[in-house]
Amino acid sequence: MNFPNDENGSVLNEMYQAGVDLSKLAMVEFFQLFEDEQNARAMAKHLEDENIATDIKVHPDKTAGVWDVDCCIEMLPSYDNIVAKEAQFEKLARKFDGYNDGWGIAIDD
């Protein structure tokens, strides 16, 4: 399987090489960062109210003064789907003065 030569492609390639079946639905977690807790909580509420994502968590980041909004979406973890969802989250996070900070998939051992 070939993946584009960028960060998302590299992550997907590593998952594929590790034996993750990328042809099956998975819970993909997306991360957004905010400098203001109220903005983070407002985005989390929007995600919940609009049923955009599940398992939404707001918590302080390891970096002082930064707040994380982590949320999950069940989706096929294809390159195109990941890129499209990241773009959606980036646009949405900007409305709350934040930004998208990547994604991941929990892999059962």
PDB file of N, CA and C in Angstrom:
ATOM      1  N   MET A   1       0.854  -1.179   0.000  1.00  0.00           N
ATOM      2  CA  MET A   1       0.000   0.000   0.000  1.00  0.00           C
ATOM      3  C   MET A   1       0.896   1.237   0.000  1.00  0.00           C
ATOM      4  N   ASN A   2       0.558   2.209  -0.821  1.00  0.00           N
ATOM      5  CA  ASN A   2       1.330   3.445  -0.906  1.00  0.00           C
ATOM      6  C   ASN A   2       0.584   4.577  -0.220  1.00  0.00           C
ATOM      7  N   PHE A   3       1.351   5.429   0.464  1.00  0.00           N
ATOM      8  CA  PHE A   3       0.790   6.581   1.154  1.00  0.00           C
ATOM      9  C   PHE A   3       1.543   7.826   0.709  1.00  0.00           C
ATOM     10  N   PRO A   4       0.866   8.983   0.677  1.00  0.00           N
ATOM     11  CA  PRO A   4       1.544  10.235   0.333  1.00  0.00           C
ATOM     12  C   PRO A   4       2.706  10.516   1.279  1.00  0.00           C
ATOM     13  N   ASN A   5       3.671  11.262   0.769  1.00  0.00           N
ATOM     14  CA  ASN A   5       4.876  11.575   1.527  1.00  0.00           C
ATOM     15  C   ASN A   5       4.663  12.844   2.365  1.00  0.00           C
ATOM     16  N   ASP A   6       3.845  12.714   3.409  1.00  0.00           N
ATOM     17  CA  ASP A   6       3.638  13.798   4.356  1.00  0.00           C
ATOM     18  C   ASP A   6       3.396  13.182   5.729  1.00  0.00           C
ATOM     19  N   GLU A   7       3.106  14.010   6.718  1.00  0.00           N
ATOM     20  CA  GLU A   7       2.957  13.508   8.082  1.00  0.00           C
ATOM     21  C   GLU A   7       1.830  12.480   8.209  1.00  0.00           C
ATOM     22  N   ASN A   8       0.671  12.779   7.629  1.00  0.00           N
ATOM     23  CA  ASN A   8      -0.443  11.831   7.706  1.00  0.00           C
ATOM     24  C   ASN A   8      -0.114  10.531   6.991  1.00  0.00           C
ATOM     25  N   GLY A   9       0.514  10.628   5.833  1.00  0.00           N
ATOM     26  CA  GLY A   9       0.911   9.433   5.100  1.00  0.00           C
ATOM     27  C   GLY A   9       1.900   8.593   5.880  1.00  0.00           C
ATOM     28  N   SER A  10       2.844   9.246   6.549  1.00  0.00           N
ATOM     29  CA  SER A  10       3.835   8.523   7.351  1.00  0.00           C
ATOM     30  C   SER A  10       3.185   7.787   8.520  1.00  0.00           C
ATOM     31  N   VAL A  11       2.258   8.463   9.199  1.00  0.00           N
ATOM     32  CA  VAL A  11       1.574   7.829  10.334  1.00  0.00           C
ATOM     33  C   VAL A  11       0.756   6.631   9.855  1.00  0.00           C
ATOM     34  N   LEU A  12       0.018   6.804   8.773  1.00  0.00           N
ATOM     35  CA  LEU A  12      -0.772   5.694   8.243  1.00  0.00           C
ATOM     36  C   LEU A  12       0.117   4.548   7.784  1.00  0.00           C
ATOM     37  N   ASN A  13       1.242   4.852   7.163  1.00  0.00           N
ATOM     38  CA  ASN A  13       2.169   3.813   6.733  1.00  0.00           C
ATOM     39  C   ASN A  13       2.721   3.046   7.937  1.00  0.00           C
ATOM     40  N   GLU A  14       3.069   3.753   9.007  1.00  0.00           N
ATOM     41  CA  GLU A  14       3.561   3.089  10.220  1.00  0.00           C
ATOM     42  C   GLU A  14       2.487   2.168  10.800  1.00  0.00           C
ATOM     43  N   MET A  15       1.241   2.634  10.807  1.00  0.00           N
ATOM     44  CA  MET A  15       0.145   1.799  11.310  1.00  0.00           C
ATOM     45  C   MET A  15      -0.024   0.561  10.432  1.00  0.00           C
ATOM     46  N   TYR A  16       0.006   0.765   9.132  1.00  0.00           N
ATOM     47  CA  TYR A  16      -0.138  -0.344   8.188  1.00  0.00           C
ATOM     48  C   TYR A  16       0.991  -1.357   8.379  1.00  0.00           C
ATOM     49  N   GLN A  17       2.216  -0.867   8.497  1.00  0.00           N
ATOM     50  CA  GLN A  17       3.372  -1.747   8.701  1.00  0.00           C
ATOM     51  C   GLN A  17       3.290  -2.496  10.028  1.00  0.00           C
ATOM     52  N   ALA A  18       2.609  -1.895  11.014  1.00  0.00           N
ATOM     53  CA  ALA A  18       2.447  -2.532  12.324  1.00  0.00           C
ATOM     54  C   ALA A  18       1.296  -3.537  12.327  1.00  0.00           C
ATOM     55  N   GLY A  19       0.594  -3.648  11.200  1.00  0.00           N
ATOM     56  CA  GLY A  19      -0.462  -4.636  11.089  1.00  0.00           C
ATOM     57  C   GLY A  19      -1.867  -4.119  11.342  1.00  0.00           C
ATOM     58  N   VAL A  20      -2.035  -2.797  11.430  1.00  0.00           N
ATOM     59  CA  VAL A  20      -3.368  -2.227  11.618  1.00  0.00           C
ATOM     60  C   VAL A  20      -4.150  -2.359  10.308  1.00  0.00           C
ATOM     61  N   ASP A  21      -5.367  -2.886  10.397  1.00  0.00           N
ATOM     62  CA  ASP A  21      -6.218  -3.039   9.216  1.00  0.00           C
ATOM     63  C   ASP A  21      -6.917  -1.709   8.941  1.00  0.00           C
ATOM     64  N   LEU A  22      -6.392  -0.975   7.991  1.00  0.00           N
ATOM     65  CA  LEU A  22      -6.936   0.354   7.670  1.00  0.00           C
ATOM     66  C   LEU A  22      -8.192   0.289   6.804  1.00  0.00           C
ATOM     67  N   SER A  23      -8.643  -0.923   6.494  1.00  0.00           N
ATOM     68  CA  SER A  23      -9.869  -1.066   5.707  1.00  0.00           C
ATOM     69  C   SER A  23     -11.096  -1.243   6.600  1.00  0.00           C
ATOM     70  N   LYS A  24     -10.889  -1.202   7.920  1.00  0.00           N
ATOM     71  CA  LYS A  24     -11.990  -1.357   8.873  1.00  0.00           C
ATOM     72  C   LYS A  24     -12.235  -0.050   9.611  1.00  0.00           C
ATOM     73  N   LEU A  25     -13.484   0.169  10.005  1.00  0.00           N
ATOM     74  CA  LEU A  25     -13.810   1.347  10.808  1.00  0.00           C
ATOM     75  C   LEU A  25     -12.987   1.338  12.089  1.00  0.00           C
ATOM     76  N   ALA A  26     -12.584   2.527  12.505  1.00  0.00           N
ATOM     77  CA  ALA A  26     -11.800   2.674  13.732  1.00  0.00           C
ATOM     78  C   ALA A  26     -12.231   3.943  14.442  1.00  0.00           C
ATOM     79  N   MET A  27     -11.986   4.002  15.737  1.00  0.00           N
ATOM     80  CA  MET A  27     -12.221   5.233  16.495  1.00  0.00           C
ATOM     81  C   MET A  27     -10.965   6.086  16.335  1.00  0.00           C
ATOM     82  N   VAL A  28     -11.105   7.159  15.592  1.00  0.00           N
ATOM     83  CA  VAL A  28      -9.991   8.072  15.347  1.00  0.00           C
ATOM     84  C   VAL A  28     -10.168   9.261  16.284  1.00  0.00           C
ATOM     85  N   GLU A  29      -9.108   9.564  17.041  1.00  0.00           N
ATOM     86  CA  GLU A  29      -9.158  10.668  17.990  1.00  0.00           C
ATOM     87  C   GLU A  29      -8.451  11.883  17.395  1.00  0.00           C
ATOM     88  N   PHE A  30      -9.123  13.012  17.457  1.00  0.00           N
ATOM     89  CA  PHE A  30      -8.574  14.262  16.948  1.00  0.00           C
ATOM     90  C   PHE A  30      -8.323  15.195  18.122  1.00  0.00           C
ATOM     91  N   PHE A  31      -7.262  16.001  17.999  1.00  0.00           N
ATOM     92  CA  PHE A  31      -6.827  16.865  19.088  1.00  0.00           C
ATOM     93  C   PHE A  31      -6.842  18.327  18.621  1.00  0.00           C
ATOM     94  N   GLN A  32      -7.410  19.198  19.462  1.00  0.00           N
ATOM     95  CA  GLN A  32      -7.413  20.633  19.217  1.00  0.00           C
ATOM     96  C   GLN A  32      -6.806  21.323  20.435  1.00  0.00           C
ATOM     97  N   LEU A  33      -6.097  22.424  20.199  1.00  0.00           N
ATOM     98  CA  LEU A  33      -5.469  23.165  21.287  1.00  0.00           C
ATOM     99  C   LEU A  33      -5.994  24.596  21.341  1.00  0.00           C
ATOM    100  N   PHE A  34      -6.089  25.106  22.580  1.00  0.00           N
ATOM    101  CA  PHE A  34      -6.622  26.446  22.833  1.00  0.00           C
ATOM    102  C   PHE A  34      -5.812  27.109  23.940  1.00  0.00           C
ATOM    103  N   GLU A  35      -5.675  28.423  23.864  1.00  0.00           N
ATOM    104  CA  GLU A  35      -5.004  29.166  24.926  1.00  0.00           C
ATOM    105  C   GLU A  35      -5.979  29.611  26.004  1.00  0.00           C
ATOM    106  N   ASP A  36      -7.271  29.446  25.752  1.00  0.00           N
ATOM    107  CA  ASP A  36      -8.293  29.895  26.693  1.00  0.00           C
ATOM    108  C   ASP A  36      -9.230  28.733  27.018  1.00  0.00           C
ATOM    109  N   GLU A  37      -9.395  28.442  28.300  1.00  0.00           N
ATOM    110  CA  GLU A  37     -10.251  27.328  28.712  1.00  0.00           C
ATOM    111  C   GLU A  37     -11.692  27.516  28.237  1.00  0.00           C
ATOM    112  N   GLN A  38     -12.206  28.745  28.313  1.00  0.00           N
ATOM    113  CA  GLN A  38     -13.591  28.989  27.880  1.00  0.00           C
ATOM    114  C   GLN A  38     -13.778  28.655  26.401  1.00  0.00           C
ATOM    115  N   ASN A  39     -12.797  28.991  25.579  1.00  0.00           N
ATOM    116  CA  ASN A  39     -12.884  28.673  24.153  1.00  0.00           C
ATOM    117  C   ASN A  39     -12.858  27.159  23.932  1.00  0.00           C
ATOM    118  N   ALA A  40     -12.013  26.480  24.679  1.00  0.00           N
ATOM    119  CA  ALA A  40     -11.945  25.016  24.573  1.00  0.00           C
ATOM    120  C   ALA A  40     -13.287  24.400  24.958  1.00  0.00           C
ATOM    121  N   ARG A  41     -13.858  24.876  26.047  1.00  0.00           N
ATOM    122  CA  ARG A  41     -15.145  24.336  26.503  1.00  0.00           C
ATOM    123  C   ARG A  41     -16.272  24.690  25.521  1.00  0.00           C
ATOM    124  N   ALA A  42     -16.194  25.852  24.900  1.00  0.00           N
ATOM    125  CA  ALA A  42     -17.201  26.244  23.904  1.00  0.00           C
ATOM    126  C   ALA A  42     -17.132  25.325  22.688  1.00  0.00           C
ATOM    127  N   MET A  43     -15.922  24.993  22.255  1.00  0.00           N
ATOM    128  CA  MET A  43     -15.811  24.083  21.114  1.00  0.00           C
ATOM    129  C   MET A  43     -16.326  22.701  21.493  1.00  0.00           C
ATOM    130  N   ALA A  44     -15.968  22.230  22.678  1.00  0.00           N
ATOM    131  CA  ALA A  44     -16.444  20.919  23.116  1.00  0.00           C
ATOM    132  C   ALA A  44     -17.972  20.876  23.149  1.00  0.00           C
ATOM    133  N   LYS A  45     -18.586  21.932  23.643  1.00  0.00           N
ATOM    134  CA  LYS A  45     -20.046  21.998  23.682  1.00  0.00           C
ATOM    135  C   LYS A  45     -20.619  21.978  22.269  1.00  0.00           C
ATOM    136  N   HIS A  46     -19.993  22.717  21.357  1.00  0.00           N
ATOM    137  CA  HIS A  46     -20.444  22.729  19.965  1.00  0.00           C
ATOM    138  C   HIS A  46     -20.347  21.322  19.361  1.00  0.00           C
ATOM    139  N   LEU A  47     -19.246  20.635  19.592  1.00  0.00           N
ATOM    140  CA  LEU A  47     -19.078  19.274  19.069  1.00  0.00           C
ATOM    141  C   LEU A  47     -20.177  18.354  19.592  1.00  0.00           C
ATOM    142  N   GLU A  48     -20.490  18.512  20.875  1.00  0.00           N
ATOM    143  CA  GLU A  48     -21.531  17.688  21.488  1.00  0.00           C
ATOM    144  C   GLU A  48     -22.915  18.075  20.961  1.00  0.00           C
ATOM    145  N   ASP A  49     -23.226  19.365  20.953  1.00  0.00           N
ATOM    146  CA  ASP A  49     -24.547  19.835  20.519  1.00  0.00           C
ATOM    147  C   ASP A  49     -24.848  19.457  19.072  1.00  0.00           C
ATOM    148  N   GLU A  50     -23.831  19.485  18.231  1.00  0.00           N
ATOM    149  CA  GLU A  50     -24.017  19.197  16.802  1.00  0.00           C
ATOM    150  C   GLU A  50     -23.762  17.728  16.456  1.00  0.00           C
ATOM    151  N   ASN A  51     -23.485  16.908  17.475  1.00  0.00           N
ATOM    152  CA  ASN A  51     -23.195  15.479  17.259  1.00  0.00           C
ATOM    153  C   ASN A  51     -22.083  15.268  16.234  1.00  0.00           C
ATOM    154  N   ILE A  52     -21.061  16.104  16.309  1.00  0.00           N
ATOM    155  CA  ILE A  52     -19.942  16.015  15.378  1.00  0.00           C
ATOM    156  C   ILE A  52     -18.973  14.919  15.794  1.00  0.00           C
ATOM    157  N   ALA A  53     -18.842  14.706  17.110  1.00  0.00           N
ATOM    158  CA  ALA A  53     -17.881  13.742  17.619  1.00  0.00           C
ATOM    159  C   ALA A  53     -18.400  13.141  18.919  1.00  0.00           C
ATOM    160  N   THR A  54     -17.715  12.104  19.383  1.00  0.00           N
ATOM    161  CA  THR A  54     -18.062  11.470  20.649  1.00  0.00           C
ATOM    162  C   THR A  54     -16.845  11.482  21.568  1.00  0.00           C
ATOM    163  N   ASP A  55     -17.050  11.037  22.783  1.00  0.00           N
ATOM    164  CA  ASP A  55     -15.972  10.914  23.768  1.00  0.00           C
ATOM    165  C   ASP A  55     -15.138  12.202  23.824  1.00  0.00           C
ATOM    166  N   ILE A  56     -15.821  13.313  24.029  1.00  0.00           N
ATOM    167  CA  ILE A  56     -15.191  14.635  24.005  1.00  0.00           C
ATOM    168  C   ILE A  56     -14.625  14.944  25.384  1.00  0.00           C
ATOM    169  N   LYS A  57     -13.345  15.288  25.431  1.00  0.00           N
ATOM    170  CA  LYS A  57     -12.677  15.596  26.689  1.00  0.00           C
ATOM    171  C   LYS A  57     -11.979  16.940  26.590  1.00  0.00           C
ATOM    172  N   VAL A  58     -12.128  17.747  27.638  1.00  0.00           N
ATOM    173  CA  VAL A  58     -11.404  19.015  27.762  1.00  0.00           C
ATOM    174  C   VAL A  58     -10.481  18.865  28.958  1.00  0.00           C
ATOM    175  N   HIS A  59      -9.198  19.166  28.757  1.00  0.00           N
ATOM    176  CA  HIS A  59      -8.243  19.026  29.859  1.00  0.00           C
ATOM    177  C   HIS A  59      -7.043  19.941  29.628  1.00  0.00           C
ATOM    178  N   PRO A  60      -6.340  20.279  30.721  1.00  0.00           N
ATOM    179  CA  PRO A  60      -5.132  21.093  30.562  1.00  0.00           C
ATOM    180  C   PRO A  60      -4.071  20.317  29.781  1.00  0.00           C
ATOM    181  N   ASP A  61      -3.370  21.002  28.933  1.00  0.00           N
ATOM    182  CA  ASP A  61      -2.267  20.420  28.182  1.00  0.00           C
ATOM    183  C   ASP A  61      -1.034  20.347  29.080  1.00  0.00           C
ATOM    184  N   LYS A  62      -0.014  19.621  28.645  1.00  0.00           N
ATOM    185  CA  LYS A  62       1.257  19.587  29.377  1.00  0.00           C
ATOM    186  C   LYS A  62       1.927  20.956  29.367  1.00  0.00           C
ATOM    187  N   THR A  63       1.634  21.746  28.337  1.00  0.00           N
ATOM    188  CA  THR A  63       2.160  23.101  28.242  1.00  0.00           C
ATOM    189  C   THR A  63       1.264  24.032  29.059  1.00  0.00           C
ATOM    190  N   ALA A  64       1.875  24.782  29.938  1.00  0.00           N
ATOM    191  CA  ALA A  64       1.103  25.687  30.803  1.00  0.00           C
ATOM    192  C   ALA A  64       0.297  26.676  29.972  1.00  0.00           C
ATOM    193  N   GLY A  65      -0.941  26.934  30.400  1.00  0.00           N
ATOM    194  CA  GLY A  65      -1.786  27.916  29.732  1.00  0.00           C
ATOM    195  C   GLY A  65      -2.418  27.432  28.446  1.00  0.00           C
ATOM    196  N   VAL A  66      -2.357  26.126  28.187  1.00  0.00           N
ATOM    197  CA  VAL A  66      -2.932  25.558  26.966  1.00  0.00           C
ATOM    198  C   VAL A  66      -3.953  24.494  27.365  1.00  0.00           C
ATOM    199  N   TRP A  67      -5.066  24.476  26.647  1.00  0.00           N
ATOM    200  CA  TRP A  67      -6.142  23.518  26.901  1.00  0.00           C
ATOM    201  C   TRP A  67      -6.352  22.636  25.684  1.00  0.00           C
ATOM    202  N   ASP A  68      -6.597  21.367  25.932  1.00  0.00           N
ATOM    203  CA  ASP A  68      -6.845  20.385  24.883  1.00  0.00           C
ATOM    204  C   ASP A  68      -8.323  20.052  24.804  1.00  0.00           C
ATOM    205  N   VAL A  69      -8.811  19.866  23.583  1.00  0.00           N
ATOM    206  CA  VAL A  69     -10.112  19.252  23.336  1.00  0.00           C
ATOM    207  C   VAL A  69      -9.820  18.016  22.491  1.00  0.00           C
ATOM    208  N   ASP A  70     -10.058  16.863  23.067  1.00  0.00           N
ATOM    209  CA  ASP A  70      -9.860  15.595  22.373  1.00  0.00           C
ATOM    210  C   ASP A  70     -11.237  15.010  22.084  1.00  0.00           C
ATOM    211  N   CYS A  71     -11.419  14.467  20.889  1.00  0.00           N
ATOM    212  CA  CYS A  71     -12.715  13.897  20.537  1.00  0.00           C
ATOM    213  C   CYS A  71     -12.526  12.773  19.537  1.00  0.00           C
ATOM    214  N   CYS A  72     -13.485  11.862  19.507  1.00  0.00           N
ATOM    215  CA  CYS A  72     -13.387  10.687  18.643  1.00  0.00           C
ATOM    216  C   CYS A  72     -14.480  10.671  17.584  1.00  0.00           C
ATOM    217  N   ILE A  73     -14.120  10.081  16.464  1.00  0.00           N
ATOM    218  CA  ILE A  73     -15.067   9.858  15.378  1.00  0.00           C
ATOM    219  C   ILE A  73     -14.821   8.445  14.856  1.00  0.00           C
ATOM    220  N   GLU A  74     -15.892   7.666  14.727  1.00  0.00           N
ATOM    221  CA  GLU A  74     -15.747   6.355  14.106  1.00  0.00           C
ATOM    222  C   GLU A  74     -15.734   6.566  12.600  1.00  0.00           C
ATOM    223  N   MET A  75     -14.661   6.126  11.974  1.00  0.00           N
ATOM    224  CA  MET A  75     -14.511   6.371  10.537  1.00  0.00           C
ATOM    225  C   MET A  75     -13.520   5.386   9.937  1.00  0.00           C
ATOM    226  N   LEU A  76     -13.546   5.289   8.645  1.00  0.00           N
ATOM    227  CA  LEU A  76     -12.542   4.531   7.920  1.00  0.00           C
ATOM    228  C   LEU A  76     -11.274   5.385   7.899  1.00  0.00           C
ATOM    229  N   PRO A  77     -10.169   4.891   8.454  1.00  0.00           N
ATOM    230  CA  PRO A  77      -8.971   5.729   8.561  1.00  0.00           C
ATOM    231  C   PRO A  77      -8.141   5.789   7.271  1.00  0.00           C
ATOM    232  N   SER A  78      -8.779   6.210   6.199  1.00  0.00           N
ATOM    233  CA  SER A  78      -8.059   6.379   4.937  1.00  0.00           C
ATOM    234  C   SER A  78      -7.369   7.743   4.938  1.00  0.00           C
ATOM    235  N   TYR A  79      -6.393   7.877   4.097  1.00  0.00           N
ATOM    236  CA  TYR A  79      -5.669   9.143   3.987  1.00  0.00           C
ATOM    237  C   TYR A  79      -6.631  10.296   3.679  1.00  0.00           C
ATOM    238  N   ASP A  80      -7.476  10.112   2.667  1.00  0.00           N
ATOM    239  CA  ASP A  80      -8.396  11.188   2.265  1.00  0.00           C
ATOM    240  C   ASP A  80      -9.362  11.553   3.385  1.00  0.00           C
ATOM    241  N   ASN A  81      -9.865  10.538   4.097  1.00  0.00           N
ATOM    242  CA  ASN A  81     -10.792  10.808   5.202  1.00  0.00           C
ATOM    243  C   ASN A  81     -10.112  11.576   6.322  1.00  0.00           C
ATOM    244  N   ILE A  82      -8.891  11.186   6.657  1.00  0.00           N
ATOM    245  CA  ILE A  82      -8.141  11.860   7.728  1.00  0.00           C
ATOM    246  C   ILE A  82      -7.872  13.316   7.345  1.00  0.00           C
ATOM    247  N   VAL A  83      -7.390  13.541   6.140  1.00  0.00           N
ATOM    248  CA  VAL A  83      -7.076  14.902   5.683  1.00  0.00           C
ATOM    249  C   VAL A  83      -8.342  15.768   5.696  1.00  0.00           C
ATOM    250  N   ALA A  84      -9.447  15.226   5.221  1.00  0.00           N
ATOM    251  CA  ALA A  84     -10.702  15.986   5.184  1.00  0.00           C
ATOM    252  C   ALA A  84     -11.187  16.312   6.594  1.00  0.00           C
ATOM    253  N   LYS A  85     -11.103  15.361   7.504  1.00  0.00           N
ATOM    254  CA  LYS A  85     -11.577  15.593   8.871  1.00  0.00           C
ATOM    255  C   LYS A  85     -10.668  16.577   9.592  1.00  0.00           C
ATOM    256  N   GLU A  86      -9.358  16.497   9.356  1.00  0.00           N
ATOM    257  CA  GLU A  86      -8.450  17.479   9.963  1.00  0.00           C
ATOM    258  C   GLU A  86      -8.764  18.888   9.467  1.00  0.00           C
ATOM    259  N   ALA A  87      -9.053  19.023   8.191  1.00  0.00           N
ATOM    260  CA  ALA A  87      -9.404  20.336   7.640  1.00  0.00           C
ATOM    261  C   ALA A  87     -10.691  20.852   8.282  1.00  0.00           C
ATOM    262  N   GLN A  88     -11.663  19.970   8.470  1.00  0.00           N
ATOM    263  CA  GLN A  88     -12.916  20.357   9.122  1.00  0.00           C
ATOM    264  C   GLN A  88     -12.644  20.827  10.552  1.00  0.00           C
ATOM    265  N   PHE A  89     -11.829  20.075  11.296  1.00  0.00           N
ATOM    266  CA  PHE A  89     -11.530  20.463  12.673  1.00  0.00           C
ATOM    267  C   PHE A  89     -10.698  21.740  12.745  1.00  0.00           C
ATOM    268  N   GLU A  90      -9.805  21.939  11.798  1.00  0.00           N
ATOM    269  CA  GLU A  90      -9.012  23.171  11.784  1.00  0.00           C
ATOM    270  C   GLU A  90      -9.924  24.382  11.590  1.00  0.00           C
ATOM    271  N   LYS A  91     -10.837  24.272  10.644  1.00  0.00           N
ATOM    272  CA  LYS A  91     -11.767  25.372  10.378  1.00  0.00           C
ATOM    273  C   LYS A  91     -12.653  25.635  11.594  1.00  0.00           C
ATOM    274  N   LEU A  92     -13.141  24.574  12.202  1.00  0.00           N
ATOM    275  CA  LEU A  92     -14.000  24.716  13.369  1.00  0.00           C
ATOM    276  C   LEU A  92     -13.229  25.266  14.572  1.00  0.00           C
ATOM    277  N   ALA A  93     -12.038  24.753  14.825  1.00  0.00           N
ATOM    278  CA  ALA A  93     -11.239  25.211  15.970  1.00  0.00           C
ATOM    279  C   ALA A  93     -10.906  26.695  15.842  1.00  0.00           C
ATOM    280  N   ARG A  94     -10.648  27.156  14.636  1.00  0.00           N
ATOM    281  CA  ARG A  94     -10.334  28.579  14.428  1.00  0.00           C
ATOM    282  C   ARG A  94     -11.485  29.479  14.851  1.00  0.00           C
ATOM    283  N   LYS A  95     -12.721  28.990  14.697  1.00  0.00           N
ATOM    284  CA  LYS A  95     -13.890  29.776  15.121  1.00  0.00           C
ATOM    285  C   LYS A  95     -13.870  30.001  16.641  1.00  0.00           C
ATOM    286  N   PHE A  96     -13.155  29.139  17.356  1.00  0.00           N
ATOM    287  CA  PHE A  96     -13.059  29.246  18.815  1.00  0.00           C
ATOM    288  C   PHE A  96     -11.638  29.639  19.245  1.00  0.00           C
ATOM    289  N   ASP A  97     -10.881  30.243  18.323  1.00  0.00           N
ATOM    290  CA  ASP A  97      -9.508  30.699  18.565  1.00  0.00           C
ATOM    291  C   ASP A  97      -8.564  29.572  18.978  1.00  0.00           C
ATOM    292  N   GLY A  98      -8.720  28.432  18.334  1.00  0.00           N
ATOM    293  CA  GLY A  98      -7.829  27.298  18.574  1.00  0.00           C
ATOM    294  C   GLY A  98      -7.306  26.764  17.263  1.00  0.00           C
ATOM    295  N   TYR A  99      -6.683  25.603  17.323  1.00  0.00           N
ATOM    296  CA  TYR A  99      -6.214  24.959  16.099  1.00  0.00           C
ATOM    297  C   TYR A  99      -6.150  23.455  16.266  1.00  0.00           C
ATOM    298  N   ASN A 100      -6.246  22.762  15.144  1.00  0.00           N
ATOM    299  CA  ASN A 100      -6.157  21.309  15.123  1.00  0.00           C
ATOM    300  C   ASN A 100      -4.716  20.908  15.398  1.00  0.00           C
ATOM    301  N   ASP A 101      -4.536  19.850  16.178  1.00  0.00           N
ATOM    302  CA  ASP A 101      -3.177  19.425  16.533  1.00  0.00           C
ATOM    303  C   ASP A 101      -2.966  17.926  16.292  1.00  0.00           C
ATOM    304  N   GLY A 102      -3.593  17.408  15.246  1.00  0.00           N
ATOM    305  CA  GLY A 102      -3.309  16.035  14.864  1.00  0.00           C
ATOM    306  C   GLY A 102      -4.391  15.039  15.261  1.00  0.00           C
ATOM    307  N   TRP A 103      -4.012  13.771  15.157  1.00  0.00           N
ATOM    308  CA  TRP A 103      -4.958  12.679  15.357  1.00  0.00           C
ATOM    309  C   TRP A 103      -4.205  11.417  15.736  1.00  0.00           C
ATOM    310  N   GLY A 104      -4.961  10.419  16.143  1.00  0.00           N
ATOM    311  CA  GLY A 104      -4.384   9.120  16.460  1.00  0.00           C
ATOM    312  C   GLY A 104      -5.461   8.059  16.533  1.00  0.00           C
ATOM    313  N   ILE A 105      -5.022   6.836  16.576  1.00  0.00           N
ATOM    314  CA  ILE A 105      -5.927   5.689  16.704  1.00  0.00           C
ATOM    315  C   ILE A 105      -5.402   4.834  17.850  1.00  0.00           C
ATOM    316  N   ALA A 106      -6.275   4.496  18.781  1.00  0.00           N
ATOM    317  CA  ALA A 106      -5.891   3.583  19.863  1.00  0.00           C
ATOM    318  C   ALA A 106      -5.786   2.184  19.270  1.00  0.00           C
ATOM    319  N   ILE A 107      -4.657   1.560  19.489  1.00  0.00           N
ATOM    320  CA  ILE A 107      -4.427   0.224  18.957  1.00  0.00           C
ATOM    321  C   ILE A 107      -4.420  -0.756  20.124  1.00  0.00           C
ATOM    322  N   ASP A 108      -5.296  -1.762  20.036  1.00  0.00           N
ATOM    323  CA  ASP A 108      -5.339  -2.783  21.082  1.00  0.00           C
ATOM    324  C   ASP A 108      -4.151  -3.720  20.931  1.00  0.00           C
ATOM    325  N   ASP A 109      -3.507  -3.984  22.049  1.00  0.00           N
ATOM    326  CA  ASP A 109      -2.361  -4.919  22.024  1.00  0.00           C
ATOM    327  C   ASP A 109      -2.818  -6.339  22.258  1.00  0.00           C
TER     328      ASP A 109
END
